[in-house]
PDB file of N, CA and C in Angstrom:
ATOM      1  N   MET A   1      -5.412  26.405 -31.158  1.00  0.00           N
ATOM      2  CA  MET A   1      -6.130  25.797 -30.044  1.00  0.00           C
ATOM      3  C   MET A   1      -5.171  24.906 -29.258  1.00  0.00           C
ATOM      4  N   GLU A   2      -5.101  25.118 -27.966  1.00  0.00           N
ATOM      5  CA  GLU A   2      -4.212  24.325 -27.120  1.00  0.00           C
ATOM      6  C   GLU A   2      -4.841  22.963 -26.834  1.00  0.00           C
ATOM      7  N   SER A   3      -3.977  21.941 -26.872  1.00  0.00           N
ATOM      8  CA  SER A   3      -4.499  20.610 -26.530  1.00  0.00           C
ATOM      9  C   SER A   3      -4.416  20.413 -25.025  1.00  0.00           C
ATOM     10  N   GLU A   4      -5.396  19.788 -24.496  1.00  0.00           N
ATOM     11  CA  GLU A   4      -5.468  19.535 -23.056  1.00  0.00           C
ATOM     12  C   GLU A   4      -4.795  18.200 -22.750  1.00  0.00           C
ATOM     13  N   TYR A   5      -3.943  18.186 -21.735  1.00  0.00           N
ATOM     14  CA  TYR A   5      -3.266  16.940 -21.352  1.00  0.00           C
ATOM     15  C   TYR A   5      -4.260  16.020 -20.665  1.00  0.00           C
ATOM     16  N   MET A   6      -4.396  14.842 -21.197  1.00  0.00           N
ATOM     17  CA  MET A   6      -5.263  13.828 -20.600  1.00  0.00           C
ATOM     18  C   MET A   6      -4.391  12.640 -20.229  1.00  0.00           C
ATOM     19  N   PRO A   7      -4.176  12.422 -18.946  1.00  0.00           N
ATOM     20  CA  PRO A   7      -3.323  11.300 -18.543  1.00  0.00           C
ATOM     21  C   PRO A   7      -3.955   9.956 -18.893  1.00  0.00           C
ATOM     22  N   ASP A   8      -3.072   8.984 -19.101  1.00  0.00           N
ATOM     23  CA  ASP A   8      -3.568   7.631 -19.323  1.00  0.00           C
ATOM     24  C   ASP A   8      -4.244   7.127 -18.055  1.00  0.00           C
ATOM     25  N   THR A   9      -5.127   6.191 -18.220  1.00  0.00           N
ATOM     26  CA  THR A   9      -5.841   5.617 -17.092  1.00  0.00           C
ATOM     27  C   THR A   9      -5.681   4.101 -17.110  1.00  0.00           C
ATOM     28  N   TRP A  10      -5.395   3.518 -15.937  1.00  0.00           N
ATOM     29  CA  TRP A  10      -5.305   2.073 -15.795  1.00  0.00           C
ATOM     30  C   TRP A  10      -6.248   1.646 -14.692  1.00  0.00           C
ATOM     31  N   GLU A  11      -6.827   0.491 -14.858  1.00  0.00           N
ATOM     32  CA  GLU A  11      -7.707  -0.055 -13.832  1.00  0.00           C
ATOM     33  C   GLU A  11      -7.203  -1.423 -13.426  1.00  0.00           C
ATOM     34  N   TYR A  12      -7.212  -1.679 -12.133  1.00  0.00           N
ATOM     35  CA  TYR A  12      -6.776  -2.950 -11.577  1.00  0.00           C
ATOM     36  C   TYR A  12      -7.864  -3.486 -10.673  1.00  0.00           C
ATOM     37  N   SER A  13      -7.982  -4.775 -10.638  1.00  0.00           N
ATOM     38  CA  SER A  13      -8.902  -5.430  -9.717  1.00  0.00           C
ATOM     39  C   SER A  13      -8.111  -6.441  -8.910  1.00  0.00           C
ATOM     40  N   PHE A  14      -8.575  -6.727  -7.726  1.00  0.00           N
ATOM     41  CA  PHE A  14      -7.935  -7.757  -6.927  1.00  0.00           C
ATOM     42  C   PHE A  14      -8.970  -8.457  -6.074  1.00  0.00           C
ATOM     43  N   ASP A  15      -8.643  -9.661  -5.681  1.00  0.00           N
ATOM     44  CA  ASP A  15      -9.490 -10.468  -4.821  1.00  0.00           C
ATOM     45  C   ASP A  15      -8.587 -11.037  -3.740  1.00  0.00           C
ATOM     46  N   THR A  16      -8.727 -10.549  -2.520  1.00  0.00           N
ATOM     47  CA  THR A  16      -7.840 -10.987  -1.444  1.00  0.00           C
ATOM     48  C   THR A  16      -8.153 -12.388  -0.953  1.00  0.00           C
ATOM     49  N   GLU A  17      -9.322 -12.895  -1.289  1.00  0.00           N
ATOM     50  CA  GLU A  17      -9.671 -14.258  -0.893  1.00  0.00           C
ATOM     51  C   GLU A  17      -9.040 -15.275  -1.832  1.00  0.00           C
ATOM     52  N   GLY A  18      -8.932 -14.929  -3.101  1.00  0.00           N
ATOM     53  CA  GLY A  18      -8.313 -15.807  -4.088  1.00  0.00           C
ATOM     54  C   GLY A  18      -8.943 -17.185  -4.130  1.00  0.00           C
ATOM     55  N   GLU A  19      -8.108 -18.167  -4.307  1.00  0.00           N
ATOM     56  CA  GLU A  19      -8.567 -19.553  -4.422  1.00  0.00           C
ATOM     57  C   GLU A  19      -8.683 -20.244  -3.065  1.00  0.00           C
ATOM     58  N   GLN A  20      -8.387 -19.518  -2.000  1.00  0.00           N
ATOM     59  CA  GLN A  20      -8.355 -20.144  -0.679  1.00  0.00           C
ATOM     60  C   GLN A  20      -9.754 -20.523  -0.225  1.00  0.00           C
ATOM     61  N   LYS A  21      -9.898 -21.770   0.149  1.00  0.00           N
ATOM     62  CA  LYS A  21     -11.197 -22.275   0.587  1.00  0.00           C
ATOM     63  C   LYS A  21     -11.399 -22.111   2.092  1.00  0.00           C
ATOM     64  N   ASP A  22     -10.304 -21.912   2.833  1.00  0.00           N
ATOM     65  CA  ASP A  22     -10.414 -21.888   4.291  1.00  0.00           C
ATOM     66  C   ASP A  22     -10.693 -20.495   4.856  1.00  0.00           C
ATOM     67  N   ARG A  23     -10.905 -19.511   3.989  1.00  0.00           N
ATOM     68  CA  ARG A  23     -11.251 -18.143   4.397  1.00  0.00           C
ATOM     69  C   ARG A  23     -10.154 -17.455   5.199  1.00  0.00           C
ATOM     70  N   SER A  24      -8.907 -17.908   5.075  1.00  0.00           N
ATOM     71  CA  SER A  24      -7.809 -17.208   5.744  1.00  0.00           C
ATOM     72  C   SER A  24      -7.164 -16.253   4.753  1.00  0.00           C
ATOM     73  N   GLY A  25      -8.001 -15.534   4.011  1.00  0.00           N
ATOM     74  CA  GLY A  25      -7.549 -14.649   2.946  1.00  0.00           C
ATOM     75  C   GLY A  25      -6.640 -13.536   3.424  1.00  0.00           C
ATOM     76  N   LYS A  26      -5.994 -12.946   2.462  1.00  0.00           N
ATOM     77  CA  LYS A  26      -5.072 -11.847   2.732  1.00  0.00           C
ATOM     78  C   LYS A  26      -5.812 -10.521   2.689  1.00  0.00           C
ATOM     79  N   TYR A  27      -5.141  -9.505   3.215  1.00  0.00           N
ATOM     80  CA  TYR A  27      -5.660  -8.147   3.159  1.00  0.00           C
ATOM     81  C   TYR A  27      -4.852  -7.361   2.138  1.00  0.00           C
ATOM     82  N   PHE A  28      -5.534  -6.535   1.383  1.00  0.00           N
ATOM     83  CA  PHE A  28      -4.847  -5.534   0.580  1.00  0.00           C
ATOM     84  C   PHE A  28      -4.659  -4.355   1.516  1.00  0.00           C
ATOM     85  N   VAL A  29      -3.424  -3.904   1.687  1.00  0.00           N
ATOM     86  CA  VAL A  29      -3.116  -2.867   2.663  1.00  0.00           C
ATOM     87  C   VAL A  29      -2.454  -1.678   1.968  1.00  0.00           C
ATOM     88  N   LEU A  30      -2.952  -0.489   2.259  1.00  0.00           N
ATOM     89  CA  LEU A  30      -2.355   0.758   1.798  1.00  0.00           C
ATOM     90  C   LEU A  30      -1.898   1.519   3.030  1.00  0.00           C
ATOM     91  N   VAL A  31      -0.625   1.885   3.059  1.00  0.00           N
ATOM     92  CA  VAL A  31      -0.065   2.668   4.165  1.00  0.00           C
ATOM     93  C   VAL A  31       0.379   4.011   3.596  1.00  0.00           C
ATOM     94  N   ILE A  32      -0.147   5.087   4.153  1.00  0.00           N
ATOM     95  CA  ILE A  32       0.290   6.432   3.775  1.00  0.00           C
ATOM     96  C   ILE A  32       0.755   7.140   5.034  1.00  0.00           C
ATOM     97  N   TYR A  33       1.727   8.003   4.869  1.00  0.00           N
ATOM     98  CA  TYR A  33       2.291   8.637   6.060  1.00  0.00           C
ATOM     99  C   TYR A  33       2.814  10.025   5.781  1.00  0.00           C
ATOM    100  N   ASP A  34       2.895  10.794   6.853  1.00  0.00           N
ATOM    101  CA  ASP A  34       3.466  12.131   6.844  1.00  0.00           C
ATOM    102  C   ASP A  34       4.339  12.221   8.092  1.00  0.00           C
ATOM    103  N   ILE A  35       5.627  12.002   7.909  1.00  0.00           N
ATOM    104  CA  ILE A  35       6.594  11.999   9.014  1.00  0.00           C
ATOM    105  C   ILE A  35       7.498  13.225   8.852  1.00  0.00           C
ATOM    106  N   THR A  36       7.617  14.039   9.890  1.00  0.00           N
ATOM    107  CA  THR A  36       8.342  15.305   9.783  1.00  0.00           C
ATOM    108  C   THR A  36       9.863  15.143   9.767  1.00  0.00           C
ATOM    109  N   GLU A  37      10.394  14.194  10.479  1.00  0.00           N
ATOM    110  CA  GLU A  37      11.848  14.026  10.614  1.00  0.00           C
ATOM    111  C   GLU A  37      12.404  13.123   9.501  1.00  0.00           C
ATOM    112  N   ASN A  38      13.389  13.624   8.756  1.00  0.00           N
ATOM    113  CA  ASN A  38      13.938  12.890   7.611  1.00  0.00           C
ATOM    114  C   ASN A  38      14.483  11.517   7.974  1.00  0.00           C
ATOM    115  N   LYS A  39      15.263  11.434   9.041  1.00  0.00           N
ATOM    116  CA  LYS A  39      15.887  10.168   9.426  1.00  0.00           C
ATOM    117  C   LYS A  39      14.814   9.124   9.778  1.00  0.00           C
ATOM    118  N   LYS A  40      13.824   9.537  10.539  1.00  0.00           N
ATOM    119  CA  LYS A  40      12.744   8.625  10.923  1.00  0.00           C
ATOM    120  C   LYS A  40      11.905   8.227   9.710  1.00  0.00           C
ATOM    121  N   ARG A  41      11.669   9.175   8.809  1.00  0.00           N
ATOM    122  CA  ARG A  41      10.900   8.890   7.601  1.00  0.00           C
ATOM    123  C   ARG A  41      11.631   7.865   6.725  1.00  0.00           C
ATOM    124  N   SER A  42      12.939   7.992   6.603  1.00  0.00           N
ATOM    125  CA  SER A  42      13.726   7.030   5.822  1.00  0.00           C
ATOM    126  C   SER A  42      13.702   5.646   6.459  1.00  0.00           C
ATOM    127  N   LYS A  43      13.803   5.623   7.782  1.00  0.00           N
ATOM    128  CA  LYS A  43      13.766   4.343   8.501  1.00  0.00           C
ATOM    129  C   LYS A  43      12.402   3.661   8.328  1.00  0.00           C
ATOM    130  N   LEU A  44      11.336   4.452   8.379  1.00  0.00           N
ATOM    131  CA  LEU A  44       9.985   3.914   8.177  1.00  0.00           C
ATOM    132  C   LEU A  44       9.842   3.336   6.765  1.00  0.00           C
ATOM    133  N   ALA A  45      10.309   4.070   5.769  1.00  0.00           N
ATOM    134  CA  ALA A  45      10.207   3.588   4.386  1.00  0.00           C
ATOM    135  C   ALA A  45      10.972   2.280   4.216  1.00  0.00           C
ATOM    136  N   LYS A  46      12.127   2.190   4.815  1.00  0.00           N
ATOM    137  CA  LYS A  46      12.918   0.946   4.726  1.00  0.00           C
ATOM    138  C   LYS A  46      12.173  -0.213   5.390  1.00  0.00           C
ATOM    139  N   MET A  47      11.566   0.031   6.539  1.00  0.00           N
ATOM    140  CA  MET A  47      10.799  -1.008   7.223  1.00  0.00           C
ATOM    141  C   MET A  47       9.619  -1.457   6.360  1.00  0.00           C
ATOM    142  N   LEU A  48       8.908  -0.497   5.744  1.00  0.00           N
ATOM    143  CA  LEU A  48       7.745  -0.826   4.916  1.00  0.00           C
ATOM    144  C   LEU A  48       8.126  -1.624   3.675  1.00  0.00           C
ATOM    145  N   MET A  49       9.348  -1.449   3.172  1.00  0.00           N
ATOM    146  CA  MET A  49       9.807  -2.222   2.014  1.00  0.00           C
ATOM    147  C   MET A  49       9.822  -3.722   2.330  1.00  0.00           C
ATOM    148  N   GLY A  50       9.932  -4.070   3.602  1.00  0.00           N
ATOM    149  CA  GLY A  50       9.884  -5.467   3.997  1.00  0.00           C
ATOM    150  C   GLY A  50       8.492  -6.066   3.945  1.00  0.00           C
ATOM    151  N   PHE A  51       7.485  -5.227   3.787  1.00  0.00           N
ATOM    152  CA  PHE A  51       6.099  -5.691   3.745  1.00  0.00           C
ATOM    153  C   PHE A  51       5.468  -5.559   2.361  1.00  0.00           C
ATOM    154  N   GLY A  52       5.882  -4.552   1.600  1.00  0.00           N
ATOM    155  CA  GLY A  52       5.246  -4.299   0.316  1.00  0.00           C
ATOM    156  C   GLY A  52       6.113  -3.460  -0.583  1.00  0.00           C
ATOM    157  N   PHE A  53       5.456  -2.648  -1.423  1.00  0.00           N
ATOM    158  CA  PHE A  53       6.157  -1.852  -2.407  1.00  0.00           C
ATOM    159  C   PHE A  53       5.734  -0.396  -2.314  1.00  0.00           C
ATOM    160  N   ARG A  54       6.708   0.482  -2.527  1.00  0.00           N
ATOM    161  CA  ARG A  54       6.427   1.914  -2.537  1.00  0.00           C
ATOM    162  C   ARG A  54       5.717   2.255  -3.842  1.00  0.00           C
ATOM    163  N   ILE A  55       4.590   2.962  -3.732  1.00  0.00           N
ATOM    164  CA  ILE A  55       3.858   3.376  -4.925  1.00  0.00           C
ATOM    165  C   ILE A  55       3.950   4.878  -5.149  1.00  0.00           C
ATOM    166  N   GLN A  56       4.195   5.612  -4.093  1.00  0.00           N
ATOM    167  CA  GLN A  56       4.469   7.044  -4.161  1.00  0.00           C
ATOM    168  C   GLN A  56       5.438   7.352  -3.034  1.00  0.00           C
ATOM    169  N   LYS A  57       5.905   8.588  -2.936  1.00  0.00           N
ATOM    170  CA  LYS A  57       6.938   8.905  -1.954  1.00  0.00           C
ATOM    171  C   LYS A  57       6.536   8.544  -0.528  1.00  0.00           C
ATOM    172  N   SER A  58       5.298   8.707  -0.169  1.00  0.00           N
ATOM    173  CA  SER A  58       4.847   8.392   1.190  1.00  0.00           C
ATOM    174  C   SER A  58       3.686   7.421   1.185  1.00  0.00           C
ATOM    175  N   ALA A  59       3.718   6.452   0.270  1.00  0.00           N
ATOM    176  CA  ALA A  59       2.631   5.474   0.176  1.00  0.00           C
ATOM    177  C   ALA A  59       3.179   4.110  -0.228  1.00  0.00           C
ATOM    178  N   PHE A  60       2.715   3.086   0.482  1.00  0.00           N
ATOM    179  CA  PHE A  60       3.102   1.705   0.208  1.00  0.00           C
ATOM    180  C   PHE A  60       1.853   0.848   0.099  1.00  0.00           C
ATOM    181  N   GLU A  61       1.940  -0.180  -0.755  1.00  0.00           N
ATOM    182  CA  GLU A  61       0.868  -1.165  -0.874  1.00  0.00           C
ATOM    183  C   GLU A  61       1.441  -2.539  -0.601  1.00  0.00           C
ATOM    184  N   ALA A  62       0.597  -3.407  -0.041  1.00  0.00           N
ATOM    185  CA  ALA A  62       1.021  -4.785   0.227  1.00  0.00           C
ATOM    186  C   ALA A  62      -0.197  -5.690   0.240  1.00  0.00           C
ATOM    187  N   MET A  63       0.036  -6.971   0.015  1.00  0.00           N
ATOM    188  CA  MET A  63      -0.986  -7.998   0.157  1.00  0.00           C
ATOM    189  C   MET A  63      -0.482  -8.889   1.287  1.00  0.00           C
ATOM    190  N   LEU A  64      -1.160  -8.827   2.444  1.00  0.00           N
ATOM    191  CA  LEU A  64      -0.652  -9.474   3.648  1.00  0.00           C
ATOM    192  C   LEU A  64      -1.654 -10.439   4.265  1.00  0.00           C
ATOM    193  N   PRO A  65      -1.165 -11.575   4.761  1.00  0.00           N
ATOM    194  CA  PRO A  65      -2.033 -12.434   5.557  1.00  0.00           C
ATOM    195  C   PRO A  65      -2.272 -11.766   6.909  1.00  0.00           C
ATOM    196  N   PRO A  66      -3.302 -12.172   7.635  1.00  0.00           N
ATOM    197  CA  PRO A  66      -3.637 -11.518   8.904  1.00  0.00           C
ATOM    198  C   PRO A  66      -2.477 -11.415   9.899  1.00  0.00           C
ATOM    199  N   ASN A  67      -1.647 -12.447  10.024  1.00  0.00           N
ATOM    200  CA  ASN A  67      -0.554 -12.385  11.001  1.00  0.00           C
ATOM    201  C   ASN A  67       0.488 -11.338  10.615  1.00  0.00           C
ATOM    202  N   LYS A  68       0.784 -11.186   9.330  1.00  0.00           N
ATOM    203  CA  LYS A  68       1.748 -10.161   8.909  1.00  0.00           C
ATOM    204  C   LYS A  68       1.145  -8.766   9.019  1.00  0.00           C
ATOM    205  N   TYR A  69      -0.160  -8.669   8.821  1.00  0.00           N
ATOM    206  CA  TYR A  69      -0.833  -7.386   8.999  1.00  0.00           C
ATOM    207  C   TYR A  69      -0.709  -6.918  10.451  1.00  0.00           C
ATOM    208  N   GLU A  70      -0.934  -7.821  11.381  1.00  0.00           N
ATOM    209  CA  GLU A  70      -0.791  -7.481  12.809  1.00  0.00           C
ATOM    210  C   GLU A  70       0.648  -7.086  13.142  1.00  0.00           C
ATOM    211  N   LYS A  71       1.613  -7.789  12.543  1.00  0.00           N
ATOM    212  CA  LYS A  71       3.026  -7.458  12.757  1.00  0.00           C
ATOM    213  C   LYS A  71       3.322  -6.058  12.214  1.00  0.00           C
ATOM    214  N   LEU A  72       2.776  -5.741  11.050  1.00  0.00           N
ATOM    215  CA  LEU A  72       2.957  -4.412  10.466  1.00  0.00           C
ATOM    216  C   LEU A  72       2.454  -3.332  11.417  1.00  0.00           C
ATOM    217  N   LEU A  73       1.251  -3.517  11.948  1.00  0.00           N
ATOM    218  CA  LEU A  73       0.689  -2.517  12.866  1.00  0.00           C
ATOM    219  C   LEU A  73       1.579  -2.310  14.080  1.00  0.00           C
ATOM    220  N   LYS A  74       2.115  -3.388  14.639  1.00  0.00           N
ATOM    221  CA  LYS A  74       2.999  -3.276  15.803  1.00  0.00           C
ATOM    222  C   LYS A  74       4.275  -2.521  15.464  1.00  0.00           C
ATOM    223  N   GLU A  75       4.818  -2.770  14.264  1.00  0.00           N
ATOM    224  CA  GLU A  75       6.060  -2.107  13.874  1.00  0.00           C
ATOM    225  C   GLU A  75       5.843  -0.648  13.490  1.00  0.00           C
ATOM    226  N   LEU A  76       4.632  -0.282  13.092  1.00  0.00           N
ATOM    227  CA  LEU A  76       4.337   1.101  12.722  1.00  0.00           C
ATOM    228  C   LEU A  76       4.157   2.012  13.935  1.00  0.00           C
ATOM    229  N   LYS A  77       3.592   1.477  14.986  1.00  0.00           N
ATOM    230  CA  LYS A  77       3.211   2.288  16.148  1.00  0.00           C
ATOM    231  C   LYS A  77       4.322   3.199  16.677  1.00  0.00           C
ATOM    232  N   PRO A  78       5.563   2.730  16.831  1.00  0.00           N
ATOM    233  CA  PRO A  78       6.605   3.610  17.361  1.00  0.00           C
ATOM    234  C   PRO A  78       6.972   4.795  16.459  1.00  0.00           C
ATOM    235  N   PHE A  79       6.599   4.761  15.207  1.00  0.00           N
ATOM    236  CA  PHE A  79       6.967   5.829  14.279  1.00  0.00           C
ATOM    237  C   PHE A  79       6.074   7.060  14.402  1.00  0.00           C
ATOM    238  N   ALA A  80       4.905   6.928  14.968  1.00  0.00           N
ATOM    239  CA  ALA A  80       3.958   8.045  15.037  1.00  0.00           C
ATOM    240  C   ALA A  80       4.138   8.838  16.329  1.00  0.00           C
ATOM    241  N   THR A  81       4.129  10.151  16.190  1.00  0.00           N
ATOM    242  CA  THR A  81       4.162  11.052  17.340  1.00  0.00           C
ATOM    243  C   THR A  81       3.044  12.072  17.160  1.00  0.00           C
ATOM    244  N   ASP A  82       3.006  13.079  18.019  1.00  0.00           N
ATOM    245  CA  ASP A  82       1.980  14.112  17.893  1.00  0.00           C
ATOM    246  C   ASP A  82       2.129  14.918  16.602  1.00  0.00           C
ATOM    247  N   GLU A  83       3.356  15.003  16.066  1.00  0.00           N
ATOM    248  CA  GLU A  83       3.594  15.756  14.836  1.00  0.00           C
ATOM    249  C   GLU A  83       3.440  14.898  13.580  1.00  0.00           C
ATOM    250  N   ASP A  84       3.376  13.584  13.727  1.00  0.00           N
ATOM    251  CA  ASP A  84       3.380  12.671  12.594  1.00  0.00           C
ATOM    252  C   ASP A  84       2.024  11.995  12.401  1.00  0.00           C
ATOM    253  N   SER A  85       1.839  11.473  11.189  1.00  0.00           N
ATOM    254  CA  SER A  85       0.594  10.779  10.880  1.00  0.00           C
ATOM    255  C   SER A  85       0.886   9.560  10.020  1.00  0.00           C
ATOM    256  N   ILE A  86       0.309   8.430  10.399  1.00  0.00           N
ATOM    257  CA  ILE A  86       0.390   7.208   9.609  1.00  0.00           C
ATOM    258  C   ILE A  86      -1.029   6.662   9.502  1.00  0.00           C
ATOM    259  N   ARG A  87      -1.453   6.398   8.277  1.00  0.00           N
ATOM    260  CA  ARG A  87      -2.794   5.848   8.041  1.00  0.00           C
ATOM    261  C   ARG A  87      -2.639   4.504   7.354  1.00  0.00           C
ATOM    262  N   VAL A  88      -3.373   3.508   7.847  1.00  0.00           N
ATOM    263  CA  VAL A  88      -3.332   2.168   7.287  1.00  0.00           C
ATOM    264  C   VAL A  88      -4.747   1.803   6.848  1.00  0.00           C
ATOM    265  N   TYR A  89      -4.894   1.495   5.569  1.00  0.00           N
ATOM    266  CA  TYR A  89      -6.179   1.084   5.019  1.00  0.00           C
ATOM    267  C   TYR A  89      -6.106  -0.408   4.724  1.00  0.00           C
ATOM    268  N   LYS A  90      -7.056  -1.152   5.256  1.00  0.00           N
ATOM    269  CA  LYS A  90      -7.112  -2.603   5.068  1.00  0.00           C
ATOM    270  C   LYS A  90      -8.366  -2.938   4.279  1.00  0.00           C
ATOM    271  N   ILE A  91      -8.192  -3.698   3.191  1.00  0.00           N
ATOM    272  CA  ILE A  91      -9.321  -4.094   2.361  1.00  0.00           C
ATOM    273  C   ILE A  91      -9.306  -5.611   2.234  1.00  0.00           C
ATOM    274  N   ARG A  92     -10.420  -6.218   2.516  1.00  0.00           N
ATOM    275  CA  ARG A  92     -10.543  -7.664   2.380  1.00  0.00           C
ATOM    276  C   ARG A  92     -11.671  -7.951   1.409  1.00  0.00           C
ATOM    277  N   GLY A  93     -11.452  -8.892   0.520  1.00  0.00           N
ATOM    278  CA  GLY A  93     -12.453  -9.230  -0.481  1.00  0.00           C
ATOM    279  C   GLY A  93     -12.046  -8.691  -1.827  1.00  0.00           C
ATOM    280  N   GLU A  94     -13.010  -8.255  -2.599  1.00  0.00           N
ATOM    281  CA  GLU A  94     -12.736  -7.745  -3.934  1.00  0.00           C
ATOM    282  C   GLU A  94     -12.565  -6.243  -3.893  1.00  0.00           C
ATOM    283  N   GLY A  95     -11.678  -5.744  -4.730  1.00  0.00           N
ATOM    284  CA  GLY A  95     -11.445  -4.314  -4.799  1.00  0.00           C
ATOM    285  C   GLY A  95     -10.989  -3.920  -6.189  1.00  0.00           C
ATOM    286  N   ALA A  96     -11.006  -2.632  -6.449  1.00  0.00           N
ATOM    287  CA  ALA A  96     -10.547  -2.111  -7.727  1.00  0.00           C
ATOM    288  C   ALA A  96      -9.766  -0.834  -7.486  1.00  0.00           C
ATOM    289  N   ILE A  97      -8.789  -0.590  -8.346  1.00  0.00           N
ATOM    290  CA  ILE A  97      -7.950   0.589  -8.257  1.00  0.00           C
ATOM    291  C   ILE A  97      -7.924   1.247  -9.626  1.00  0.00           C
ATOM    292  N   THR A  98      -8.081   2.558  -9.662  1.00  0.00           N
ATOM    293  CA  THR A  98      -7.957   3.316 -10.893  1.00  0.00           C
ATOM    294  C   THR A  98      -6.763   4.233 -10.749  1.00  0.00           C
ATOM    295  N   VAL A  99      -5.866   4.196 -11.737  1.00  0.00           N
ATOM    296  CA  VAL A  99      -4.647   5.001 -11.714  1.00  0.00           C
ATOM    297  C   VAL A  99      -4.703   5.972 -12.878  1.00  0.00           C
ATOM    298  N   PHE A 100      -4.431   7.239 -12.616  1.00  0.00           N
ATOM    299  CA  PHE A 100      -4.339   8.255 -13.657  1.00  0.00           C
ATOM    300  C   PHE A 100      -2.879   8.649 -13.796  1.00  0.00           C
ATOM    301  N   GLY A 101      -2.391   8.722 -15.005  1.00  0.00           N
ATOM    302  CA  GLY A 101      -1.014   9.130 -15.237  1.00  0.00           C
ATOM    303  C   GLY A 101      -0.065   7.958 -15.230  1.00  0.00           C
ATOM    304  N   LYS A 102       1.114   8.185 -14.690  1.00  0.00           N
ATOM    305  CA  LYS A 102       2.191   7.201 -14.693  1.00  0.00           C
ATOM    306  C   LYS A 102       1.797   5.940 -13.942  1.00  0.00           C
ATOM    307  N   ASP A 103       2.023   4.804 -14.571  1.00  0.00           N
ATOM    308  CA  ASP A 103       1.693   3.516 -13.961  1.00  0.00           C
ATOM    309  C   ASP A 103       2.979   2.822 -13.548  1.00  0.00           C
ATOM    310  N   ASP A 104       3.249   2.785 -12.247  1.00  0.00           N
ATOM    311  CA  ASP A 104       4.450   2.146 -11.715  1.00  0.00           C
ATOM    312  C   ASP A 104       4.119   0.809 -11.082  1.00  0.00           C
ATOM    313  N   SER A 105       3.190   0.100 -11.657  1.00  0.00           N
ATOM    314  CA  SER A 105       2.728  -1.125 -11.018  1.00  0.00           C
ATOM    315  C   SER A 105       3.741  -2.251 -11.134  1.00  0.00           C
ATOM    316  N   VAL A 106       3.763  -3.059 -10.089  1.00  0.00           N
ATOM    317  CA  VAL A 106       4.539  -4.288 -10.046  1.00  0.00           C
ATOM    318  C   VAL A 106       3.581  -5.325  -9.519  1.00  0.00           C
ATOM    319  N   THR A 107       3.365  -6.374 -10.266  1.00  0.00           N
ATOM    320  CA  THR A 107       2.430  -7.386  -9.792  1.00  0.00           C
ATOM    321  C   THR A 107       3.178  -8.656  -9.463  1.00  0.00           C
ATOM    322  N   GLY A 108       2.651  -9.376  -8.551  1.00  0.00           N
ATOM    323  CA  GLY A 108       3.251 -10.627  -8.153  1.00  0.00           C
ATOM    324  C   GLY A 108       2.234 -11.446  -7.407  1.00  0.00           C
ATOM    325  N   GLU A 109       2.660 -12.600  -6.962  1.00  0.00           N
ATOM    326  CA  GLU A 109       1.771 -13.491  -6.243  1.00  0.00           C
ATOM    327  C   GLU A 109       1.364 -12.903  -4.901  1.00  0.00           C
ATOM    328  N   GLU A 110       2.273 -12.200  -4.258  1.00  0.00           N
ATOM    329  CA  GLU A 110       2.029 -11.711  -2.919  1.00  0.00           C
ATOM    330  C   GLU A 110       1.510 -10.271  -2.863  1.00  0.00           C
ATOM    331  N   VAL A 111       1.796  -9.436  -3.866  1.00  0.00           N
ATOM    332  CA  VAL A 111       1.446  -8.016  -3.780  1.00  0.00           C
ATOM    333  C   VAL A 111       0.932  -7.487  -5.097  1.00  0.00           C
ATOM    334  N   ILE A 112       0.185  -6.404  -4.987  1.00  0.00           N
ATOM    335  CA  ILE A 112      -0.212  -5.624  -6.141  1.00  0.00           C
ATOM    336  C   ILE A 112       0.255  -4.208  -5.856  1.00  0.00           C
ATOM    337  N   VAL A 113       1.030  -3.630  -6.759  1.00  0.00           N
ATOM    338  CA  VAL A 113       1.545  -2.277  -6.564  1.00  0.00           C
ATOM    339  C   VAL A 113       1.159  -1.434  -7.744  1.00  0.00           C
ATOM    340  N   ILE A 114       0.708  -0.234  -7.446  1.00  0.00           N
ATOM    341  CA  ILE A 114       0.303   0.674  -8.509  1.00  0.00           C
ATOM    342  C   ILE A 114       1.071   1.950  -8.372  1.00  0.00           C
TER     343      ILE A 114
END
């Protein structure tokens, strides 16, 4: 009888409001992209490293205050063309992440990476 591979599972929770009483909480941000040109894709990945952490080849996560989130959006805009796609998911408040398989998480005060 063959054994079936069952990947490990990890669950993470986060609260972007944290201990802040003034409601200027951070956003949990996921950026995924599909860029056709290698040079531009590498440049985009390098730029995103300044905001967060790579979690997969074309996916980055970050925990950003509103002003840095707006800066991220401005810096992303020039990278998209008719052939390219960049998606930015912003989550404010409480959230949870479930990871199946390899866990490449890096946690810190400013970011959560899975």
